[in-house]
Amino acid sequence: MNTYDWLRNLPIADMDSSCKVIEVSFNQGTRKDFFRNTALQPYDKGDLIAVEGVSGFDVGEVSLTGEIVRLQMKKMGVKEDNPEMKKVLRLATDRDIELKNKAREPEAVIRSRAIARQLKLDMKISQVEMQADGRKATFFYIADGRVDFRELIKVYASEFKVKVEMRQIGARQEAGKVGGIGSCGRELCCSTWLTDFKSVNTAAARYQNLSINQTKLSGQCGRLKCCLNYELDTYLDALQHFPDNCDVLQVAKGNAFLIKKDIFKNLMWYTLPDSNKQYPLSLDRVIKIKSLNQQGIRPDDLEPVEVVSSKPREMEPENVELVGQISLRTLEKAEKKKKQQQQQKNQRPQQRQQGGGQQNQQRQPGGQQQRPQKKQGGGQQQRPNQQNRNQQRPNQPNRNQQKPNQPNTPNG
């Protein structure tokens, strides 16, 4: 449980009248105590110091110094001039820190719970705190009633070889020692700043129009949440302006029963037996109906008030992934679209080919007559080429024509 030192930077006028007591926390702040600084040695918050213990010494951490300690002592009811207040010895050395063996504490909790179970005691060992020199152990336990643990102390002393101290705590104090995160998302109040545990009952939830749900109203300790008392005084002050004895109103349709009171809008909500609808009524209307009922008159209607929310309605943008996750349906839709697009692309060239064939058939009604015409046209184009070739040949001298010009040689 940390405390903010808001008097730290204030100058000290008289050093003789300054506070000579410091606050020291043990076991990560689960237990705090006050010690007298007789040597007047300056200590800062977070320093490890050695202090007087039971027939030995203990090692703790400085949590508060200066004038803020006096306010804490006044709050706790501790006198500054108490002669039984223990003293600060020195700054903790490396040997002192080595002697502070915290590895024994979890083993001691397990062993102590087993011994208490063997002795059939109705109690629960919550935590075991060992002194730094190992001469004393404090056992914190939870029990509904009184427990006769005289035999238990003897067994603990012989088992752990230490001086045993038993200290009873409540369920809320145990939750403060263990720590954790509440349903609000913040660290538990009992483990940070709350020191006084006041009783909480379900009437605090009723005044604040909260549903009596044990799971939602309970904290980690299993008791009702301490924060139910934080705004209770504000609700009680606001409910003073509401009329009393108006739980039932008589109208022509029947009896209207009170459901809740809205202190922010000064409205009282009622329901009729023939429907589940809730009717908001103003305070003046409730007082008027109550006065008519006292005269024996039943009004025809409740005359509810129209409730209009002043908060603007937020419009969420479309096609925005707020969570950051993609569902399988979106992937399936995308695949279907791709398949449809591919099918459409494949169908387009087929439609074009079919459309071109139909146009040719419309232009030339004889589909079979096209092929011979193309062949005939091709033949007509090739024939003149062949004739040109034949025309070129006569210009060249023929080999057969040269033979008669040569003289004939006699046969010898």
Protein backbone atom coordinates (compact mmCIF):
# COMPACT_ATOMS: atom_id res chain seq x y z
CA MET A 1 0.00 0.00 0.00
CA ASN A 2 1.85 3.05 -1.27
CA THR A 3 1.36 6.58 0.10
CA TYR A 4 2.31 9.71 -1.81
CA ASP A 5 4.52 12.08 0.19
CA TRP A 6 3.06 15.46 -0.77
CA LEU A 7 5.04 17.22 2.02
CA ARG A 8 8.41 16.07 0.77
CA ASN A 9 9.53 19.29 -0.95
CA LEU A 10 8.44 21.64 1.85
CA PRO A 11 11.37 23.30 3.68
CA ILE A 12 11.83 22.46 7.36
CA ALA A 13 12.04 25.53 9.60
CA ASP A 14 13.32 23.84 12.76
CA MET A 15 15.28 20.60 12.61
CA ASP A 16 14.79 19.95 16.34
CA SER A 17 11.00 19.83 15.97
CA SER A 18 11.09 17.65 12.85
CA CYS A 19 9.63 14.16 12.94
CA LYS A 20 12.17 11.55 14.08
CA VAL A 21 9.99 8.57 13.17
CA ILE A 22 9.98 6.77 9.83
CA GLU A 23 7.54 4.29 8.36
CA VAL A 24 8.96 0.94 7.25
CA SER A 25 7.17 -1.66 5.11
CA PHE A 26 7.80 -5.40 5.17
CA ASN A 27 7.11 -8.19 2.70
CA GLN A 28 6.41 -5.91 -0.31
CA GLY A 29 4.15 -3.55 1.62
CA THR A 30 1.80 -6.12 3.16
CA ARG A 31 2.79 -4.96 6.68
CA LYS A 32 3.92 -1.52 7.88
CA ASP A 33 5.23 -0.27 11.17
CA PHE A 34 6.80 2.86 12.71
CA PHE A 35 10.41 3.00 14.00
CA ARG A 36 12.33 5.73 15.79
CA ASN A 37 15.37 7.17 14.04
CA THR A 38 17.56 7.82 17.09
CA ALA A 39 20.76 8.34 15.07
CA LEU A 40 19.05 11.08 12.97
CA GLN A 41 20.58 9.54 9.89
CA PRO A 42 18.83 10.71 6.71
CA TYR A 43 16.98 7.96 4.86
CA ASP A 44 15.25 8.09 1.51
CA LYS A 45 12.22 6.22 0.32
CA GLY A 46 13.17 2.75 -0.92
CA ASP A 47 16.28 2.30 1.27
CA LEU A 48 16.71 -1.11 2.89
CA ILE A 49 17.38 -0.74 6.62
CA ALA A 50 17.85 -3.04 9.59
CA VAL A 51 15.44 -2.47 12.50
CA GLU A 52 14.89 -4.03 15.88
CA GLY A 53 12.95 -7.27 15.95
CA VAL A 54 11.92 -9.89 18.48
CA SER A 55 15.21 -10.92 20.10
CA GLY A 56 16.99 -10.03 16.87
CA PHE A 57 16.68 -7.77 13.86
CA ASP A 58 14.60 -7.52 10.73
CA VAL A 59 15.10 -5.95 7.29
CA GLY A 60 12.52 -3.61 5.80
CA GLU A 61 12.10 -0.90 3.21
CA VAL A 62 11.61 2.78 4.00
CA SER A 63 8.18 3.88 2.78
CA LEU A 64 7.72 7.34 4.36
CA THR A 65 9.91 9.97 6.03
CA GLY A 66 9.40 13.49 7.25
CA GLU A 67 6.24 15.30 8.35
CA ILE A 68 3.89 13.01 6.44
CA VAL A 69 4.72 10.29 9.01
CA ARG A 70 3.01 12.32 11.74
CA LEU A 71 -0.20 12.39 9.75
CA GLN A 72 0.00 8.63 9.26
CA MET A 73 0.62 8.08 12.98
CA LYS A 74 -2.35 10.25 13.87
CA LYS A 75 -4.49 8.29 11.43
CA MET A 76 -3.36 4.97 12.92
CA GLY A 77 -3.63 6.16 16.52
CA VAL A 78 0.07 5.79 17.32
CA LYS A 79 1.74 8.25 19.68
CA GLU A 80 5.08 9.72 18.70
CA ASP A 81 6.47 9.57 22.25
CA ASN A 82 5.58 5.90 22.75
CA PRO A 83 8.43 4.36 24.76
CA GLU A 84 7.79 0.87 23.35
CA MET A 85 8.49 2.01 19.78
CA LYS A 86 11.38 0.09 18.30
CA LYS A 87 14.46 1.72 16.81
CA VAL A 88 16.26 1.83 13.50
CA LEU A 89 19.65 0.14 13.69
CA ARG A 90 21.50 0.88 10.45
CA LEU A 91 21.40 0.59 6.68
CA ALA A 92 21.07 -3.02 5.63
CA THR A 93 24.33 -4.64 4.59
CA ASP A 94 24.83 -7.42 2.06
CA ARG A 95 25.01 -9.96 4.88
CA ASP A 96 21.68 -8.77 6.29
CA ILE A 97 20.05 -9.15 2.88
CA GLU A 98 21.52 -12.65 2.48
CA LEU A 99 20.13 -13.71 5.86
CA LYS A 100 16.69 -12.56 4.78
CA ASN A 101 15.80 -15.89 3.20
CA LYS A 102 12.36 -15.56 1.59
CA ALA A 103 12.51 -19.02 0.03
CA ARG A 104 11.37 -20.58 3.32
CA GLU A 105 8.05 -18.73 3.40
CA PRO A 106 6.20 -20.64 0.62
CA GLU A 107 7.37 -23.97 2.05
CA ALA A 108 6.26 -22.88 5.51
CA VAL A 109 2.77 -22.01 4.21
CA ILE A 110 2.32 -25.46 2.65
CA ARG A 111 3.63 -27.30 5.73
CA SER A 112 1.61 -25.17 8.20
CA ARG A 113 -1.63 -25.80 6.27
CA ALA A 114 -1.00 -29.55 6.34
CA ILE A 115 -0.39 -29.48 10.12
CA ALA A 116 -3.58 -27.47 10.74
CA ARG A 117 -5.51 -29.99 8.63
CA GLN A 118 -4.10 -32.89 10.63
CA LEU A 119 -5.21 -31.26 13.88
CA LYS A 120 -8.70 -30.75 12.35
CA LEU A 121 -8.79 -27.01 13.01
CA ASP A 122 -11.34 -24.87 11.20
CA MET A 123 -8.88 -22.25 9.96
CA LYS A 124 -6.88 -21.30 6.89
CA ILE A 125 -3.23 -20.23 6.95
CA SER A 126 -3.06 -17.30 4.55
CA GLN A 127 0.56 -16.16 4.79
CA VAL A 128 3.74 -16.79 6.75
CA GLU A 129 6.22 -13.96 7.35
CA MET A 130 9.71 -14.88 8.53
CA GLN A 131 11.96 -12.46 10.37
CA ALA A 132 15.23 -11.66 8.62
CA ASP A 133 17.41 -13.44 11.20
CA GLY A 134 15.10 -16.49 11.17
CA ARG A 135 14.18 -16.35 14.88
CA LYS A 136 10.51 -15.48 14.57
CA ALA A 137 7.64 -16.37 12.22
CA THR A 138 4.24 -14.70 12.02
CA PHE A 139 1.37 -16.90 10.80
CA PHE A 140 -1.61 -15.01 9.36
CA TYR A 141 -4.80 -17.07 9.41
CA ILE A 142 -8.49 -16.70 8.58
CA ALA A 143 -11.25 -18.22 10.70
CA ASP A 144 -14.95 -17.59 11.12
CA GLY A 145 -14.90 -18.06 14.89
CA ARG A 146 -12.48 -18.56 17.73
CA VAL A 147 -9.87 -21.27 17.30
CA ASP A 148 -7.98 -23.06 20.08
CA PHE A 149 -4.52 -23.22 18.55
CA ARG A 150 -2.47 -23.86 21.71
CA GLU A 151 -1.47 -27.30 20.49
CA LEU A 152 -0.87 -25.88 17.01
CA ILE A 153 1.69 -23.35 18.33
CA LYS A 154 3.67 -26.12 20.00
CA VAL A 155 3.78 -28.15 16.80
CA TYR A 156 4.82 -25.10 14.76
CA ALA A 157 7.60 -24.20 17.22
CA SER A 158 9.03 -27.71 17.14
CA GLU A 159 8.66 -28.00 13.35
CA PHE A 160 10.14 -24.64 12.25
CA LYS A 161 12.44 -23.97 15.26
CA VAL A 162 11.26 -20.36 15.57
CA LYS A 163 9.18 -18.24 17.88
CA VAL A 164 5.58 -18.42 16.65
CA GLU A 165 3.10 -15.57 16.52
CA MET A 166 -0.49 -16.15 15.35
CA ARG A 167 -2.40 -13.20 13.88
CA GLN A 168 -6.00 -13.37 12.67
CA ILE A 169 -7.01 -11.35 9.60
CA GLY A 170 -10.19 -10.98 7.55
CA ALA A 171 -10.97 -11.95 3.98
CA ARG A 172 -10.52 -8.35 2.78
CA GLN A 173 -7.10 -8.10 4.44
CA GLU A 174 -6.06 -11.36 2.79
CA ALA A 175 -7.05 -10.00 -0.62
CA GLY A 176 -4.98 -6.90 0.14
CA LYS A 177 -1.94 -9.05 0.96
CA VAL A 178 -2.31 -11.21 -2.14
CA GLY A 179 -3.19 -8.32 -4.49
CA GLY A 180 -4.71 -8.48 -7.95
CA ILE A 181 -6.71 -6.62 -10.60
CA GLY A 182 -10.36 -5.76 -10.03
CA SER A 183 -13.26 -5.82 -12.49
CA CYS A 184 -12.67 -2.10 -13.15
CA GLY A 185 -9.26 -2.91 -14.65
CA ARG A 186 -7.26 -1.24 -11.88
CA GLU A 187 -5.27 -2.65 -8.97
CA LEU A 188 -7.30 -3.57 -5.90
CA CYS A 189 -8.05 -0.69 -3.53
CA CYS A 190 -7.27 -2.84 -0.47
CA SER A 191 -3.76 -3.52 -1.81
CA THR A 192 -2.94 0.09 -2.79
CA TRP A 193 -4.48 2.77 -0.56
CA LEU A 194 -7.50 1.48 1.39
CA THR A 195 -6.74 0.80 5.07
CA ASP A 196 -10.13 1.05 6.82
CA PHE A 197 -12.53 -1.71 5.85
CA LYS A 198 -16.12 -0.62 6.48
CA SER A 199 -19.07 -2.98 6.43
CA VAL A 200 -20.92 -3.20 3.10
CA ASN A 201 -24.47 -4.56 2.72
CA THR A 202 -26.91 -5.02 -0.12
CA ALA A 203 -28.82 -1.86 0.86
CA ALA A 204 -25.98 0.17 -0.68
CA ALA A 205 -26.63 -1.58 -4.01
CA ARG A 206 -30.39 -0.99 -3.77
CA TYR A 207 -29.98 2.73 -3.17
CA GLN A 208 -27.84 2.92 -6.33
CA ASN A 209 -30.36 0.92 -8.43
CA LEU A 210 -27.93 -1.96 -8.95
CA SER A 211 -29.14 -5.46 -9.66
CA ILE A 212 -28.63 -7.79 -6.73
CA ASN A 213 -26.26 -10.16 -8.50
CA GLN A 214 -23.85 -11.76 -6.06
CA THR A 215 -21.24 -12.59 -8.68
CA LYS A 216 -21.07 -9.02 -10.00
CA LEU A 217 -21.20 -7.31 -6.60
CA SER A 218 -18.56 -9.53 -4.96
CA GLY A 219 -14.83 -8.89 -5.10
CA GLN A 220 -11.86 -11.21 -5.02
CA CYS A 221 -12.28 -11.69 -1.28
CA GLY A 222 -15.76 -13.14 -1.76
CA ARG A 223 -17.38 -10.23 0.10
CA LEU A 224 -19.30 -7.27 -1.31
CA LYS A 225 -17.07 -4.74 -3.05
CA CYS A 226 -15.81 -1.88 -0.93
CA CYS A 227 -16.41 0.56 -3.80
CA LEU A 228 -20.19 0.26 -3.24
CA ASN A 229 -19.76 2.73 -0.36
CA TYR A 230 -17.85 5.33 -2.38
CA GLU A 231 -20.90 7.05 -3.94
CA LEU A 232 -23.50 5.97 -1.39
CA ASP A 233 -23.56 9.36 0.40
CA THR A 234 -24.17 11.17 -2.90
CA TYR A 235 -27.14 8.93 -3.68
CA LEU A 236 -28.59 9.35 -0.18
CA ASP A 237 -28.38 13.15 -0.45
CA ALA A 238 -30.10 13.11 -3.85
CA LEU A 239 -32.86 10.76 -2.67
CA GLN A 240 -33.94 13.20 0.03
CA HIS A 241 -35.86 15.21 -2.60
CA PHE A 242 -37.87 12.16 -3.70
CA PRO A 243 -41.29 11.53 -2.09
CA ASP A 244 -41.61 8.71 0.43
CA ASN A 245 -44.21 5.91 0.57
CA CYS A 246 -44.79 6.01 -3.18
CA ASP A 247 -43.99 2.40 -3.98
CA VAL A 248 -47.59 1.78 -5.20
CA LEU A 249 -49.83 4.20 -7.10
CA GLN A 250 -53.51 3.50 -7.84
CA VAL A 251 -54.84 4.35 -11.30
CA ALA A 252 -57.86 3.26 -13.35
CA LYS A 253 -55.93 0.41 -15.03
CA GLY A 254 -54.72 -0.99 -11.71
CA ASN A 255 -51.87 -0.56 -9.26
CA ALA A 256 -48.58 0.84 -10.59
CA PHE A 257 -45.49 -0.48 -8.84
CA LEU A 258 -42.23 1.42 -8.42
CA ILE A 259 -39.26 -0.07 -10.28
CA LYS A 260 -36.42 2.41 -9.82
CA LYS A 261 -35.54 6.02 -9.05
CA ASP A 262 -33.40 8.08 -11.41
CA ILE A 263 -31.59 10.75 -9.41
CA PHE A 264 -29.95 12.27 -12.50
CA LYS A 265 -33.21 13.05 -14.33
CA ASN A 266 -35.46 13.25 -11.22
CA LEU A 267 -37.78 10.55 -12.52
CA MET A 268 -39.54 7.58 -10.94
CA TRP A 269 -40.26 4.53 -13.10
CA TYR A 270 -43.44 2.48 -12.66
CA THR A 271 -44.98 -0.58 -14.31
CA LEU A 272 -48.61 -1.65 -14.70
CA PRO A 273 -49.80 -5.23 -14.17
CA ASP A 274 -51.21 -5.62 -17.72
CA SER A 275 -47.89 -4.84 -19.47
CA ASN A 276 -44.14 -4.98 -19.00
CA LYS A 277 -43.63 -1.44 -20.21
CA GLN A 278 -41.98 1.02 -17.82
CA TYR A 279 -43.49 4.49 -17.42
CA PRO A 280 -41.28 7.39 -16.25
CA LEU A 281 -43.09 9.91 -14.02
CA SER A 282 -41.92 13.27 -12.76
CA LEU A 283 -41.77 13.95 -9.05
CA ASP A 284 -44.64 16.45 -9.21
CA ARG A 285 -46.86 13.93 -10.99
CA VAL A 286 -46.10 11.25 -8.39
CA ILE A 287 -46.94 13.60 -5.55
CA LYS A 288 -50.17 14.60 -7.27
CA ILE A 289 -51.29 11.01 -7.87
CA LYS A 290 -50.44 10.11 -4.27
CA SER A 291 -52.57 12.99 -2.96
CA LEU A 292 -55.49 11.89 -5.19
CA ASN A 293 -55.20 8.32 -3.90
CA GLN A 294 -55.39 9.58 -0.34
CA GLN A 295 -58.68 11.30 -1.28
CA GLY A 296 -59.97 8.06 -2.82
CA ILE A 297 -59.62 9.20 -6.43
CA ARG A 298 -57.98 7.12 -9.10
CA PRO A 299 -56.70 9.06 -12.11
CA ASP A 300 -57.32 7.67 -15.59
CA ASP A 301 -53.70 7.65 -16.72
CA LEU A 302 -50.22 7.94 -15.27
CA GLU A 303 -49.27 10.66 -17.81
CA PRO A 304 -45.65 9.52 -18.28
CA VAL A 305 -42.90 11.84 -19.40
CA GLU A 306 -41.22 11.42 -22.77
CA VAL A 307 -37.57 10.64 -22.22
CA VAL A 308 -35.32 11.88 -25.01
CA SER A 309 -31.63 11.11 -24.89
CA SER A 310 -29.49 14.19 -25.41
CA LYS A 311 -26.51 12.12 -26.43
CA PRO A 312 -26.00 12.15 -30.21
CA ARG A 313 -26.24 8.82 -31.87
CA GLU A 314 -22.93 7.61 -33.20
CA MET A 315 -22.96 6.23 -36.72
CA GLU A 316 -20.44 3.55 -37.41
CA PRO A 317 -18.74 3.78 -40.78
CA GLU A 318 -19.58 1.07 -43.25
CA ASN A 319 -17.12 -1.49 -44.57
CA VAL A 320 -14.69 -0.93 -41.72
CA GLU A 321 -13.13 -3.84 -39.88
CA LEU A 322 -13.15 -2.65 -36.26
CA VAL A 323 -11.89 -5.84 -34.67
CA GLY A 324 -9.07 -6.45 -37.12
CA GLN A 325 -10.13 -9.97 -37.98
CA ILE A 326 -11.31 -11.45 -41.28
CA SER A 327 -14.07 -14.03 -41.18
CA LEU A 328 -14.24 -17.04 -43.46
CA ARG A 329 -17.43 -15.77 -45.05
CA THR A 330 -15.64 -12.75 -46.49
CA LEU A 331 -12.96 -15.01 -47.97
CA GLU A 332 -15.62 -17.26 -49.52
CA LYS A 333 -17.38 -14.26 -51.03
CA ALA A 334 -14.11 -13.05 -52.55
CA GLU A 335 -13.44 -16.47 -54.09
CA LYS A 336 -16.95 -16.61 -55.55
CA LYS A 337 -16.48 -13.18 -57.14
CA LYS A 338 -13.20 -14.28 -58.72
CA LYS A 339 -14.79 -17.41 -60.15
CA GLN A 340 -17.71 -15.41 -61.57
CA GLN A 341 -15.31 -12.94 -63.21
CA GLN A 342 -13.30 -15.76 -64.79
CA GLN A 343 -16.46 -17.42 -66.12
CA GLN A 344 -17.61 -14.14 -67.64
CA LYS A 345 -14.22 -13.67 -69.34
CA ASN A 346 -14.38 -17.19 -70.79
CA GLN A 347 -17.92 -16.68 -72.06
CA ARG A 348 -17.15 -13.40 -73.90
CA PRO A 349 -14.89 -14.86 -76.70
CA GLN A 350 -17.34 -17.72 -77.27
CA GLN A 351 -20.17 -15.24 -77.68
CA ARG A 352 -18.08 -13.21 -80.12
CA GLN A 353 -17.29 -16.25 -82.27
CA GLN A 354 -20.94 -17.30 -82.34
CA GLY A 355 -22.04 -13.76 -83.19
CA GLY A 356 -19.50 -13.52 -86.08
CA GLY A 357 -20.68 -16.82 -87.59
CA GLN A 358 -24.28 -15.74 -87.50
CA GLN A 359 -23.44 -12.44 -89.24
CA ASN A 360 -21.62 -14.27 -92.06
CA GLN A 361 -24.54 -16.65 -92.46
CA GLN A 362 -26.92 -13.68 -92.72
CA ARG A 363 -24.77 -11.94 -95.38
CA GLN A 364 -24.24 -15.09 -97.47
CA PRO A 365 -27.17 -17.44 -97.18
CA GLY A 366 -25.29 -20.41 -98.63
CA GLY A 367 -22.73 -21.27 -96.07
CA GLN A 368 -21.26 -24.00 -98.22
CA GLN A 369 -20.87 -21.71 -101.26
CA GLN A 370 -18.17 -19.61 -99.58
CA ARG A 371 -15.47 -22.22 -99.71
CA PRO A 372 -15.60 -22.92 -103.52
CA GLN A 373 -15.72 -19.16 -104.22
CA LYS A 374 -12.57 -18.65 -102.14
CA LYS A 375 -10.89 -21.51 -103.98
CA GLN A 376 -12.01 -20.18 -107.37
CA GLY A 377 -10.84 -16.72 -106.52
CA GLY A 378 -7.53 -18.12 -105.46
CA GLY A 379 -7.23 -20.12 -108.68
CA GLN A 380 -7.97 -17.10 -110.80
CA GLN A 381 -5.27 -15.15 -109.04
CA GLN A 382 -2.73 -17.91 -109.51
CA ARG A 383 -3.46 -18.48 -113.27
CA PRO A 384 -2.22 -15.10 -114.42
CA ASN A 385 0.93 -15.64 -112.48
CA GLN A 386 1.48 -18.88 -114.25
CA GLN A 387 0.81 -17.22 -117.64
CA ASN A 388 3.36 -14.54 -116.86
CA ARG A 389 5.90 -17.18 -116.14
CA ASN A 390 5.10 -18.88 -119.47
CA GLN A 391 5.40 -15.55 -121.24
CA GLN A 392 8.86 -15.04 -119.83
CA ARG A 393 10.04 -18.39 -121.06
CA PRO A 394 9.84 -17.65 -124.86
CA ASN A 395 12.18 -14.73 -124.47
CA GLN A 396 14.87 -17.12 -123.35
CA PRO A 397 16.53 -19.26 -126.06
CA ASN A 398 15.46 -22.81 -126.08
CA ARG A 399 18.02 -25.52 -125.95
CA ASN A 400 16.11 -27.54 -128.55
CA GLN A 401 16.29 -24.71 -131.08
CA GLN A 402 20.09 -24.39 -130.80
CA LYS A 403 20.72 -28.00 -131.76
CA PRO A 404 19.82 -27.67 -135.53
CA ASN A 405 22.17 -24.65 -135.99
CA GLN A 406 25.20 -26.72 -134.96
CA PRO A 407 26.93 -28.56 -137.87
CA ASN A 408 26.71 -32.25 -137.96
CA THR A 409 30.02 -34.04 -137.51
CA PRO A 410 30.68 -36.95 -139.76
CA ASN A 411 30.80 -40.27 -138.20
CA GLY A 412 34.13 -41.56 -138.54
